[in-house]
Amino acid sequence: MDSKAARDLAERLAGTVLSGDPEAPARMLARLAQLSGREWLRLDESMRRPYRSPLDDVTGWPSRLGADDGGVAAVAGSMDRDGLVREAAVAALDRTPGPVAAAALAVRTADWVPPVRSAAIAAARQRTGLEDVAAVVPVVLAMRERFRGRQVAEAYLTGLAAGAAGTLTGLSAAGERSGRQWALAALAGRGLLAAGQLEARAMHDRDPVIARWCAGQLAGPSGQLPAPAGRRLLGSARAPVRAFAVRHLADGQFPREVLRRMLADRSGMVRSVARWRWSLAGEDPGLVYRELLTSPLARQVAAALDGLDDLGDGILPEAAVPFLADPSPRVRHAAVHAVGRHSQPGDLPARLAPALRDDSGRVAKAALRYLRGYPLTPGVLEELDAADTPRARLTALAIRQRLSPWDRVCADLAAIGDPDPDLARTGRADLLSWLQRDAATAYGRPSADQAAQIAARLATSTLTSQQRREVAFVAGIRPAPAV
C-alpha cells in the first residue's frame, strides 16, 4: 500500500465512522484485517497528515467509542490528533476482541504521549491468543525499524521469544510472512526446530521465502546440506529451494545423472545454478541441451531452447526456427526468444511475423517485443484484421500503437468504439496515456484521411468532452458534436 492508498483508506475509515450504513463497519473491518504491519503504520501516519486529518470532521468521540460497530470507531479514534481521544480509544480497544483491535493497539505502543503508550503496551501484552499475537507481531516488527518504538518492540519480541513454545509454533504457521519467519527464527534460536520439521517446510511450505529460509537452516554454518535431506530437497515444490539444494550439495553427494536432470528443471533459476555446477565439473551444458531438443516432452524441449539461448550457443537461431511451429505454446514461446535474441536484424521480420497470429497471447506478445521498430512484412496487419479474433485484434492494435502518432490515435479511437471490452479498455488507456505524456511532442499534423477518421470517431466516442477537445486541438481539427 503506497501513500496514496493509505490516504484513501484513511478517508474511508473516517467516512465509515460518520456513515449511517449499518453494513459499512463490517466491510471496513474486513479491509483492516488485510493490512500488513507496515501498512498499519502508514495508515496511522495518514490519519494525522499535516494541515488536515480525515478525522477533523468527527465529533462526539465518547459516544462513538462505545458504539456497537466491531471496534471501527475505536480504531479510528486511536489515530486521532487529540491525545485524550487516543487514550480513550485505547481503553475501548482493550475491551474489543479480535485481531484488528490487537493490531491497532500495537500501533499505539509507540505513541509519543506516555499515558497512551503505557496503556497500549499493557493492553497489547494481555493479547496472548494466537490470532491476536499473529496480528501484533508484524506491526511490532515494522516498528522495530523506526527510532520511536524500537525499544518497546524489542522488549515485546524478547518476551514472546522466551515464552510458550506452543505460541511460537502456532505463530510460525499463521498470519503475515514477517511474523511466521520471526517465529521460526525464535524457535530455531531455542533449538526447538528439528531437522525433520525444517525439511518438511522446505519441501512443502506454500510460501517460497519461508521454504527457502528453512532450507538455509538445514545447511547450517558449513553451508553444505546433509546428503539425504539435500537430495530430497531437489524435489521441493519451491524453485528457490531446489536452486539452493543444487548449489549447496557437496560434490561427492551429487550424482552426475541427477545434476544432468536439473539442467532441464522447469525453473530457469534452477537451470542456471545447475549449469554453473555442470560447468564447474568440466562438462558442457550445451551438449545436454542439444540432445534434449529431440525429447518427446515439451517441457524438456522448452528448457533446452532456454538453456541454449542463455548460453548463446552457436546453433542458434537456426536450430530454434523449426520450433516456432511446435504444437506446444511453451515450446513456441521459448523458440521466439531464442530466435529473437540471436537472429540478424534483417531476418527477424520474416521469422517472427507469423508468431504475431499465434493463438497463445504469451507467444504473440513475445514476438511483438522483438519486432518493435522493424518494418513488418506486407500483409501482416491485414492478416491479423482478417483473423477477427480478440487476440489478433489486440495484437494489431499494439502494432498500430507503435507506428506514427496519428496511426496510434486512429487505432485507439477505433478500439474505444469496439464491442470487445478488453480492446476498448486497452485503446482508451493508451489514448489517455498519449494525451498526458506524448501529445505535446506530436509535431506535425495528421493526413487528410487520418484527420477525417479522427473527426468521425471523436463524434461517436465515449470520451469526455474535455478529452475530445484535447485530441482535436492537438490534431488541428474541429471536432463534430458528440452524438
Protein backbone atom coordinates (compact mmCIF):
# COMPACT_ATOMS: atom_id res chain seq x y z
CA MET A 1 0.00 0.00 0.00
CA ASP A 2 1.57 3.27 -1.14
CA SER A 3 0.99 6.70 0.40
CA LYS A 4 -1.97 7.48 -1.84
CA ALA A 5 -3.67 4.20 -1.00
CA ALA A 6 -3.04 4.86 2.68
CA ARG A 7 -4.64 8.31 2.41
CA ASP A 8 -7.63 6.83 0.57
CA LEU A 9 -8.07 4.19 3.27
CA ALA A 10 -7.81 6.86 5.98
CA GLU A 11 -10.60 8.81 4.29
CA ARG A 12 -12.72 5.66 4.02
CA LEU A 13 -12.13 4.79 7.68
CA ALA A 14 -13.20 8.27 8.78
CA GLY A 15 -16.18 8.08 6.43
CA THR A 16 -17.22 4.76 7.96
CA VAL A 17 -17.27 6.34 11.41
CA LEU A 18 -19.55 9.10 10.12
CA SER A 19 -21.65 6.80 7.96
CA GLY A 20 -25.05 5.61 8.99
CA ASP A 21 -24.74 2.50 6.86
CA PRO A 22 -25.10 -0.50 9.22
CA GLU A 23 -23.02 -2.70 6.89
CA ALA A 24 -20.09 -0.28 6.47
CA PRO A 25 -18.26 -1.26 9.71
CA ALA A 26 -18.11 -4.93 8.71
CA ARG A 27 -16.66 -4.03 5.32
CA MET A 28 -14.08 -1.78 6.94
CA LEU A 29 -13.08 -4.42 9.49
CA ALA A 30 -12.55 -6.90 6.65
CA ARG A 31 -10.26 -4.38 4.89
CA LEU A 32 -8.30 -3.59 8.06
CA ALA A 33 -7.79 -7.30 8.69
CA GLN A 34 -5.84 -7.49 5.41
CA LEU A 35 -3.27 -4.84 6.37
CA SER A 36 0.36 -5.79 6.83
CA GLY A 37 2.38 -4.44 9.74
CA ARG A 38 3.93 -1.65 7.67
CA GLU A 39 0.54 -0.76 6.22
CA TRP A 40 -0.87 -0.23 9.71
CA LEU A 41 1.88 2.31 10.36
CA ARG A 42 1.23 4.06 7.03
CA LEU A 43 -2.47 4.28 7.83
CA ASP A 44 -1.66 5.76 11.24
CA GLU A 45 0.54 8.42 9.63
CA SER A 46 -2.10 9.24 7.02
CA MET A 47 -4.69 9.84 9.74
CA ARG A 48 -2.64 12.74 11.10
CA ARG A 49 -1.08 14.18 7.97
CA PRO A 50 -0.30 17.92 8.04
CA TYR A 51 -2.96 20.59 7.61
CA ARG A 52 -5.98 18.31 7.52
CA SER A 53 -6.81 14.97 9.06
CA PRO A 54 -9.67 12.81 7.76
CA LEU A 55 -10.88 12.75 11.39
CA ASP A 56 -11.22 16.54 11.70
CA ASP A 57 -14.92 16.27 10.89
CA VAL A 58 -15.57 13.59 13.53
CA THR A 59 -17.00 14.82 16.84
CA GLY A 60 -18.66 13.25 19.85
CA TRP A 61 -15.95 10.66 20.42
CA PRO A 62 -17.16 9.38 23.84
CA SER A 63 -20.44 8.13 22.39
CA ARG A 64 -18.81 6.85 19.20
CA LEU A 65 -16.22 4.79 21.07
CA GLY A 66 -19.00 2.87 22.78
CA ALA A 67 -20.86 2.13 19.54
CA ASP A 68 -21.60 -1.44 18.56
CA ASP A 69 -19.52 -1.33 15.37
CA GLY A 70 -16.96 -4.06 15.99
CA GLY A 71 -14.35 -1.53 17.09
CA VAL A 72 -14.13 0.55 13.90
CA ALA A 73 -14.64 3.84 15.78
CA ALA A 74 -12.09 2.79 18.39
CA VAL A 75 -9.52 2.01 15.67
CA ALA A 76 -10.13 5.41 14.06
CA GLY A 77 -10.07 7.22 17.40
CA SER A 78 -6.76 5.59 18.31
CA MET A 79 -5.24 7.53 15.39
CA ASP A 80 -6.78 10.93 16.18
CA ARG A 81 -4.62 14.02 16.72
CA ASP A 82 -6.02 14.52 20.22
CA GLY A 83 -4.13 12.53 22.86
CA LEU A 84 -7.17 12.33 25.12
CA VAL A 85 -9.19 10.77 22.29
CA ARG A 86 -6.39 8.29 21.60
CA GLU A 87 -6.20 7.36 25.27
CA ALA A 88 -9.96 6.75 25.44
CA ALA A 89 -9.78 4.78 22.18
CA VAL A 90 -7.01 2.55 23.59
CA ALA A 91 -9.27 1.75 26.54
CA ALA A 92 -12.07 0.91 24.11
CA LEU A 93 -9.77 -1.28 22.04
CA ASP A 94 -8.69 -3.09 25.20
CA ARG A 95 -12.32 -4.14 25.64
CA THR A 96 -12.72 -5.12 21.97
CA PRO A 97 -11.83 -8.69 20.99
CA GLY A 98 -10.25 -9.64 17.68
CA PRO A 99 -7.01 -9.26 15.72
CA VAL A 100 -7.93 -5.88 14.21
CA ALA A 101 -8.21 -4.31 17.65
CA ALA A 102 -4.97 -6.05 18.66
CA ALA A 103 -3.10 -4.62 15.67
CA ALA A 104 -4.45 -1.12 16.38
CA LEU A 105 -3.26 -1.43 19.99
CA ALA A 106 0.19 -2.48 18.74
CA VAL A 107 0.42 0.71 16.69
CA ARG A 108 -0.18 2.81 19.81
CA THR A 109 2.62 1.12 21.77
CA ALA A 110 4.91 3.63 20.02
CA ASP A 111 2.72 6.65 20.81
CA TRP A 112 4.60 9.83 21.77
CA VAL A 113 2.25 10.55 24.72
CA PRO A 114 3.36 8.45 27.74
CA PRO A 115 -0.13 7.67 29.16
CA VAL A 116 -1.34 6.48 25.74
CA ARG A 117 1.81 4.48 25.15
CA SER A 118 1.83 2.77 28.55
CA ALA A 119 -1.86 1.87 28.34
CA ALA A 120 -1.37 0.39 24.86
CA ILE A 121 1.68 -1.62 25.94
CA ALA A 122 -0.19 -3.08 28.90
CA ALA A 123 -3.19 -3.94 26.73
CA ALA A 124 -1.10 -5.48 23.93
CA ARG A 125 0.73 -7.74 26.38
CA GLN A 126 -2.59 -9.14 27.53
CA ARG A 127 -3.37 -10.30 23.98
CA THR A 128 -1.97 -13.80 24.21
CA GLY A 129 -4.32 -15.65 21.84
CA LEU A 130 -2.73 -16.88 18.62
CA GLU A 131 -4.89 -14.69 16.33
CA ASP A 132 -4.06 -11.59 18.36
CA VAL A 133 -0.34 -12.37 18.57
CA ALA A 134 -0.26 -13.02 14.80
CA ALA A 135 -1.75 -9.54 14.29
CA VAL A 136 0.52 -7.76 16.80
CA VAL A 137 3.89 -9.23 15.78
CA PRO A 138 4.01 -7.83 12.18
CA VAL A 139 3.19 -4.34 13.49
CA VAL A 140 5.86 -4.62 16.19
CA LEU A 141 8.41 -5.90 13.66
CA ALA A 142 7.71 -2.89 11.45
CA MET A 143 8.06 -0.57 14.47
CA ARG A 144 11.45 -2.09 15.23
CA GLU A 145 12.81 -0.39 12.11
CA ARG A 146 11.90 3.07 13.49
CA PHE A 147 13.54 5.13 16.22
CA ARG A 148 10.32 5.64 18.14
CA GLY A 149 9.03 2.28 19.24
CA ARG A 150 12.24 0.31 18.71
CA GLN A 151 12.81 -0.24 22.42
CA VAL A 152 9.20 -1.24 23.06
CA ALA A 153 9.27 -3.59 20.06
CA GLU A 154 12.43 -5.32 21.20
CA ALA A 155 11.05 -5.78 24.71
CA TYR A 156 7.82 -7.31 23.40
CA LEU A 157 9.59 -9.64 20.96
CA THR A 158 12.15 -10.73 23.53
CA GLY A 159 9.42 -11.65 25.97
CA LEU A 160 7.46 -13.50 23.30
CA ALA A 161 10.55 -15.40 22.08
CA ALA A 162 11.22 -16.63 25.62
CA GLY A 163 7.57 -17.51 26.25
CA ALA A 164 5.44 -20.53 25.48
CA ALA A 165 6.85 -22.67 22.67
CA GLY A 166 3.30 -23.52 21.60
CA THR A 167 2.59 -19.87 20.81
CA LEU A 168 5.72 -19.62 18.68
CA THR A 169 4.86 -22.86 16.89
CA GLY A 170 1.36 -21.62 16.13
CA LEU A 171 2.68 -18.24 15.00
CA SER A 172 5.16 -19.92 12.65
CA ALA A 173 2.20 -21.21 10.62
CA ALA A 174 -0.22 -18.28 10.89
CA GLY A 175 -0.52 -14.67 9.82
CA GLU A 176 1.82 -12.46 7.84
CA ARG A 177 5.10 -13.76 6.43
CA SER A 178 7.24 -11.48 8.61
CA GLY A 179 5.63 -12.91 11.74
CA ARG A 180 5.95 -16.51 10.57
CA GLN A 181 9.61 -16.07 9.72
CA TRP A 182 10.35 -14.34 13.02
CA ALA A 183 8.65 -17.16 14.94
CA LEU A 184 10.66 -19.79 13.08
CA ALA A 185 13.86 -17.92 13.89
CA ALA A 186 12.82 -17.70 17.55
CA LEU A 187 12.15 -21.45 17.63
CA ALA A 188 15.49 -22.15 15.95
CA GLY A 189 17.25 -19.92 18.48
CA ARG A 190 15.85 -22.08 21.27
CA GLY A 191 16.79 -25.30 19.48
CA LEU A 192 13.14 -26.24 19.02
CA LEU A 193 13.19 -26.79 15.26
CA ALA A 194 14.11 -30.37 14.38
CA ALA A 195 15.72 -31.21 11.05
CA GLY A 196 12.63 -33.10 10.01
CA GLN A 197 10.42 -30.08 10.60
CA LEU A 198 12.74 -27.84 8.59
CA GLU A 199 12.87 -30.33 5.75
CA ALA A 200 9.08 -30.66 5.67
CA ARG A 201 8.63 -26.88 5.50
CA ALA A 202 11.33 -26.58 2.84
CA MET A 203 9.64 -29.26 0.77
CA HIS A 204 6.03 -28.18 1.01
CA ASP A 205 5.55 -24.71 2.52
CA ARG A 206 3.33 -22.59 0.29
CA ASP A 207 5.49 -19.52 0.86
CA PRO A 208 8.73 -19.80 -1.19
CA VAL A 209 10.53 -17.34 1.11
CA ILE A 210 9.76 -19.42 4.18
CA ALA A 211 10.63 -22.64 2.35
CA ARG A 212 13.99 -21.20 1.27
CA TRP A 213 14.72 -20.00 4.82
CA CYS A 214 14.11 -23.49 6.17
CA ALA A 215 16.47 -24.96 3.58
CA GLY A 216 19.14 -22.49 4.66
CA GLN A 217 18.72 -23.58 8.27
CA LEU A 218 19.25 -27.19 7.23
CA ALA A 219 22.59 -26.29 5.67
CA GLY A 220 23.88 -24.85 8.94
CA PRO A 221 27.15 -22.95 9.42
CA SER A 222 29.07 -25.18 6.99
CA GLY A 223 26.88 -24.13 4.10
CA GLN A 224 26.53 -27.74 2.95
CA LEU A 225 23.28 -29.66 3.06
CA PRO A 226 23.31 -33.12 4.63
CA ALA A 227 23.27 -35.61 1.77
CA PRO A 228 19.95 -37.42 2.32
CA ALA A 229 17.95 -34.25 3.05
CA GLY A 230 19.70 -32.28 0.31
CA ARG A 231 18.85 -34.85 -2.35
CA ARG A 232 15.23 -34.83 -1.20
CA LEU A 233 15.15 -31.03 -1.43
CA LEU A 234 15.92 -31.34 -5.13
CA GLY A 235 12.29 -32.43 -5.42
CA SER A 236 10.86 -29.50 -3.46
CA ALA A 237 7.77 -27.79 -4.84
CA ARG A 238 9.58 -24.43 -4.48
CA ALA A 239 12.13 -23.38 -7.12
CA PRO A 240 14.29 -21.33 -4.67
CA VAL A 241 14.68 -24.45 -2.52
CA ARG A 242 15.67 -26.62 -5.48
CA ALA A 243 18.18 -23.98 -6.59
CA PHE A 244 19.61 -23.83 -3.05
CA ALA A 245 19.93 -27.61 -2.97
CA VAL A 246 21.73 -27.68 -6.32
CA ARG A 247 24.21 -25.09 -5.07
CA HIS A 248 24.80 -26.47 -1.56
CA LEU A 249 25.01 -30.23 -2.02
CA ALA A 250 28.60 -31.43 -1.70
CA ASP A 251 30.26 -32.65 -4.90
CA GLY A 252 30.51 -36.20 -3.68
CA GLN A 253 26.81 -36.29 -2.81
CA PHE A 254 25.54 -35.07 -6.18
CA PRO A 255 25.23 -37.91 -8.71
CA ARG A 256 26.00 -36.86 -12.26
CA GLU A 257 22.67 -38.04 -13.65
CA VAL A 258 20.75 -36.13 -11.00
CA LEU A 259 22.61 -32.91 -11.85
CA ARG A 260 22.05 -33.56 -15.55
CA ARG A 261 18.33 -33.83 -14.88
CA MET A 262 18.34 -30.48 -13.09
CA LEU A 263 19.66 -28.84 -16.28
CA ALA A 264 16.13 -29.24 -17.64
CA ASP A 265 14.28 -28.19 -14.49
CA ARG A 266 11.02 -26.32 -15.02
CA SER A 267 12.51 -23.25 -13.30
CA GLY A 268 15.03 -21.02 -15.06
CA MET A 269 16.60 -20.22 -11.69
CA VAL A 270 17.33 -23.86 -11.04
CA ARG A 271 18.63 -24.45 -14.57
CA SER A 272 21.03 -21.52 -14.18
CA VAL A 273 22.56 -22.91 -10.98
CA ALA A 274 22.68 -26.41 -12.47
CA ARG A 275 24.60 -25.09 -15.48
CA TRP A 276 27.10 -23.50 -13.11
CA ARG A 277 27.63 -26.78 -11.25
CA TRP A 278 27.83 -28.71 -14.53
CA SER A 279 30.47 -26.32 -15.91
CA LEU A 280 32.47 -26.49 -12.65
CA ALA A 281 32.67 -30.23 -13.23
CA GLY A 282 34.25 -29.58 -16.64
CA GLU A 283 31.17 -30.52 -18.63
CA ASP A 284 29.48 -28.59 -21.46
CA PRO A 285 25.77 -27.95 -20.72
CA GLY A 286 25.24 -27.09 -24.39
CA LEU A 287 25.74 -30.73 -25.35
CA VAL A 288 22.97 -31.79 -22.97
CA TYR A 289 20.59 -29.16 -24.33
CA ARG A 290 21.25 -30.18 -27.94
CA GLU A 291 20.31 -33.75 -27.07
CA LEU A 292 17.15 -32.60 -25.30
CA LEU A 293 15.91 -30.86 -28.46
CA THR A 294 14.84 -34.31 -29.64
CA SER A 295 12.96 -35.12 -26.42
CA PRO A 296 9.28 -36.06 -26.77
CA LEU A 297 8.49 -33.92 -23.70
CA ALA A 298 7.59 -30.30 -24.48
CA ARG A 299 8.85 -29.18 -21.06
CA GLN A 300 12.33 -30.52 -21.79
CA VAL A 301 12.44 -29.06 -25.30
CA ALA A 302 11.45 -25.63 -23.96
CA ALA A 303 14.11 -25.91 -21.24
CA ALA A 304 16.69 -26.87 -23.86
CA LEU A 305 15.85 -23.86 -26.02
CA ASP A 306 16.03 -21.55 -22.99
CA GLY A 307 19.34 -23.07 -21.95
CA LEU A 308 20.88 -22.70 -25.41
CA ASP A 309 19.58 -19.15 -25.51
CA ASP A 310 21.22 -18.30 -22.17
CA LEU A 311 24.47 -19.92 -23.27
CA GLY A 312 24.45 -18.10 -26.63
CA ASP A 313 25.06 -21.44 -28.32
CA GLY A 314 26.27 -21.25 -31.91
CA ILE A 315 23.49 -23.48 -33.25
CA LEU A 316 21.03 -20.65 -32.66
CA PRO A 317 18.96 -19.23 -34.17
CA GLU A 318 18.72 -21.83 -36.94
CA ALA A 319 18.09 -24.72 -34.55
CA ALA A 320 15.20 -22.84 -32.91
CA VAL A 321 13.36 -21.76 -36.08
CA PRO A 322 11.55 -25.11 -36.66
CA PHE A 323 10.16 -24.95 -33.13
CA LEU A 324 8.25 -21.75 -33.93
CA ALA A 325 5.59 -24.09 -35.35
CA ASP A 326 5.68 -26.61 -32.49
CA PRO A 327 2.27 -27.76 -31.15
CA SER A 328 3.23 -26.70 -27.60
CA PRO A 329 2.79 -22.97 -26.73
CA ARG A 330 5.54 -23.38 -24.16
CA VAL A 331 8.00 -24.53 -26.81
CA ARG A 332 6.90 -21.82 -29.26
CA HIS A 333 7.42 -19.17 -26.59
CA ALA A 334 10.96 -20.40 -25.89
CA ALA A 335 11.66 -20.56 -29.63
CA VAL A 336 10.52 -16.96 -30.13
CA HIS A 337 13.01 -15.78 -27.50
CA ALA A 338 15.82 -17.88 -28.93
CA VAL A 339 15.16 -16.63 -32.47
CA GLY A 340 14.53 -13.04 -31.37
CA ARG A 341 17.74 -12.70 -29.40
CA HIS A 342 20.08 -14.42 -31.84
CA SER A 343 18.82 -13.60 -35.34
CA GLN A 344 20.35 -10.97 -37.57
CA PRO A 345 18.14 -7.83 -37.69
CA GLY A 346 17.27 -8.39 -41.33
CA ASP A 347 15.94 -11.88 -40.62
CA LEU A 348 13.67 -11.04 -37.71
CA PRO A 349 10.52 -9.79 -39.51
CA ALA A 350 10.21 -12.81 -41.79
CA ARG A 351 10.91 -15.29 -38.99
CA LEU A 352 8.73 -13.86 -36.24
CA ALA A 353 5.88 -12.12 -38.08
CA PRO A 354 3.85 -15.38 -38.30
CA ALA A 355 4.06 -15.66 -34.50
CA LEU A 356 2.00 -12.47 -34.19
CA ARG A 357 -1.01 -14.55 -35.23
CA ASP A 358 -0.30 -17.23 -32.62
CA ASP A 359 -3.26 -18.49 -30.60
CA SER A 360 -1.23 -18.01 -27.42
CA GLY A 361 -1.19 -14.42 -26.23
CA ARG A 362 2.12 -15.06 -24.48
CA VAL A 363 3.76 -16.13 -27.74
CA ALA A 364 2.29 -13.23 -29.74
CA LYS A 365 3.39 -10.74 -27.08
CA ALA A 366 6.95 -12.10 -27.11
CA ALA A 367 7.12 -11.85 -30.91
CA LEU A 368 5.80 -8.30 -30.82
CA ARG A 369 8.51 -7.34 -28.35
CA TYR A 370 11.28 -8.42 -30.75
CA LEU A 371 9.62 -6.91 -33.83
CA ARG A 372 9.24 -3.46 -32.29
CA GLY A 373 10.90 -0.92 -34.57
CA TYR A 374 11.25 -3.29 -37.53
CA PRO A 375 9.28 -2.88 -40.78
CA LEU A 376 6.80 -5.72 -40.96
CA THR A 377 6.35 -7.90 -43.98
CA PRO A 378 3.45 -6.82 -46.26
CA GLY A 379 0.03 -8.05 -45.28
CA VAL A 380 0.74 -8.75 -41.57
CA LEU A 381 -1.80 -6.24 -40.29
CA GLU A 382 -4.33 -7.27 -42.92
CA GLU A 383 -4.00 -10.92 -41.87
CA LEU A 384 -4.48 -10.00 -38.22
CA ASP A 385 -7.56 -7.96 -39.07
CA ALA A 386 -8.91 -10.80 -41.18
CA ALA A 387 -8.43 -13.30 -38.34
CA ASP A 388 -11.01 -11.27 -36.37
CA THR A 389 -10.25 -12.87 -33.00
CA PRO A 390 -9.80 -10.96 -29.73
CA ARG A 391 -6.13 -11.89 -29.61
CA ALA A 392 -5.48 -10.89 -33.23
CA ARG A 393 -7.25 -7.54 -32.76
CA LEU A 394 -5.25 -6.78 -29.62
CA THR A 395 -2.02 -7.62 -31.42
CA ALA A 396 -2.95 -5.45 -34.41
CA LEU A 397 -3.77 -2.58 -32.05
CA ALA A 398 -0.41 -2.97 -30.31
CA ILE A 399 1.38 -2.81 -33.69
CA ARG A 400 -0.51 0.30 -34.79
CA GLN A 401 0.21 1.98 -31.46
CA ARG A 402 3.90 1.75 -32.35
CA LEU A 403 3.56 3.38 -35.76
CA SER A 404 3.20 7.15 -36.25
CA PRO A 405 1.45 9.23 -33.57
CA TRP A 406 -1.61 9.67 -35.78
CA ASP A 407 -1.80 5.97 -36.68
CA ARG A 408 -1.80 5.41 -32.92
CA VAL A 409 -4.59 7.90 -32.29
CA CYS A 410 -6.73 6.48 -35.13
CA ALA A 411 -6.22 2.93 -33.87
CA ASP A 412 -7.03 3.86 -30.26
CA LEU A 413 -10.19 5.71 -31.25
CA ALA A 414 -11.31 2.75 -33.35
CA ALA A 415 -10.62 0.40 -30.43
CA ILE A 416 -12.57 2.56 -27.98
CA GLY A 417 -15.67 2.03 -30.11
CA ASP A 418 -15.16 -1.73 -30.42
CA PRO A 419 -17.70 -4.01 -28.70
CA ASP A 420 -14.84 -6.09 -27.22
CA PRO A 421 -14.40 -4.63 -23.70
CA ASP A 422 -10.71 -5.65 -23.47
CA LEU A 423 -9.91 -3.93 -26.76
CA ALA A 424 -11.92 -0.83 -25.80
CA ARG A 425 -10.22 -0.65 -22.41
CA THR A 426 -6.74 -1.05 -23.95
CA GLY A 427 -7.40 1.64 -26.55
CA ARG A 428 -8.78 4.10 -24.00
CA ALA A 429 -5.85 3.59 -21.62
CA ASP A 430 -3.32 4.13 -24.40
CA LEU A 431 -5.05 7.23 -25.79
CA LEU A 432 -5.24 8.84 -22.36
CA SER A 433 -1.57 8.00 -21.80
CA TRP A 434 -0.76 9.65 -25.15
CA LEU A 435 -2.70 12.77 -24.17
CA GLN A 436 -0.84 13.02 -20.88
CA ARG A 437 2.70 12.16 -21.99
CA ASP A 438 3.19 12.35 -25.75
CA ALA A 439 0.64 14.73 -27.26
CA ALA A 440 2.76 17.80 -26.50
CA THR A 441 5.58 16.41 -28.65
CA ALA A 442 3.38 15.18 -31.52
CA TYR A 443 4.81 17.55 -34.10
CA GLY A 444 3.13 17.68 -37.48
CA ARG A 445 -0.49 17.11 -38.39
CA PRO A 446 -2.43 14.03 -39.47
CA SER A 447 -3.00 13.43 -43.16
CA ALA A 448 -6.35 14.43 -44.62
CA ASP A 449 -7.58 10.83 -44.42
CA GLN A 450 -6.38 10.46 -40.83
CA ALA A 451 -7.95 13.80 -39.85
CA ALA A 452 -11.28 12.67 -41.30
CA GLN A 453 -11.08 9.39 -39.37
CA ILE A 454 -10.22 11.16 -36.11
CA ALA A 455 -13.06 13.66 -36.52
CA ALA A 456 -15.60 10.95 -37.31
CA ARG A 457 -14.56 8.72 -34.44
CA LEU A 458 -14.44 11.57 -31.94
CA ALA A 459 -18.05 12.35 -32.80
CA THR A 460 -19.17 8.88 -31.70
CA SER A 461 -16.57 8.35 -28.98
CA THR A 462 -17.37 7.71 -25.32
CA LEU A 463 -14.53 10.04 -24.30
CA THR A 464 -15.42 13.04 -22.18
CA SER A 465 -15.99 16.41 -23.85
CA GLN A 466 -12.69 17.67 -22.44
CA GLN A 467 -10.76 14.67 -23.77
CA ARG A 468 -12.34 15.01 -27.22
CA ARG A 469 -11.42 18.69 -27.32
CA GLU A 470 -7.82 17.90 -26.35
CA VAL A 471 -7.42 15.29 -29.10
CA ALA A 472 -8.99 17.63 -31.68
CA PHE A 473 -6.77 20.52 -30.60
CA VAL A 474 -3.55 18.53 -30.95
CA ALA A 475 -4.70 17.11 -34.29
CA GLY A 476 -5.62 20.59 -35.53
CA ILE A 477 -9.21 19.70 -36.40
CA ARG A 478 -12.62 20.95 -35.36
CA PRO A 479 -14.49 18.17 -33.53
CA ALA A 480 -18.03 17.41 -34.51
CA PRO A 481 -20.60 17.50 -31.71
CA ALA A 482 -20.83 14.20 -29.85
CA VAL A 483 -23.86 12.05 -30.69
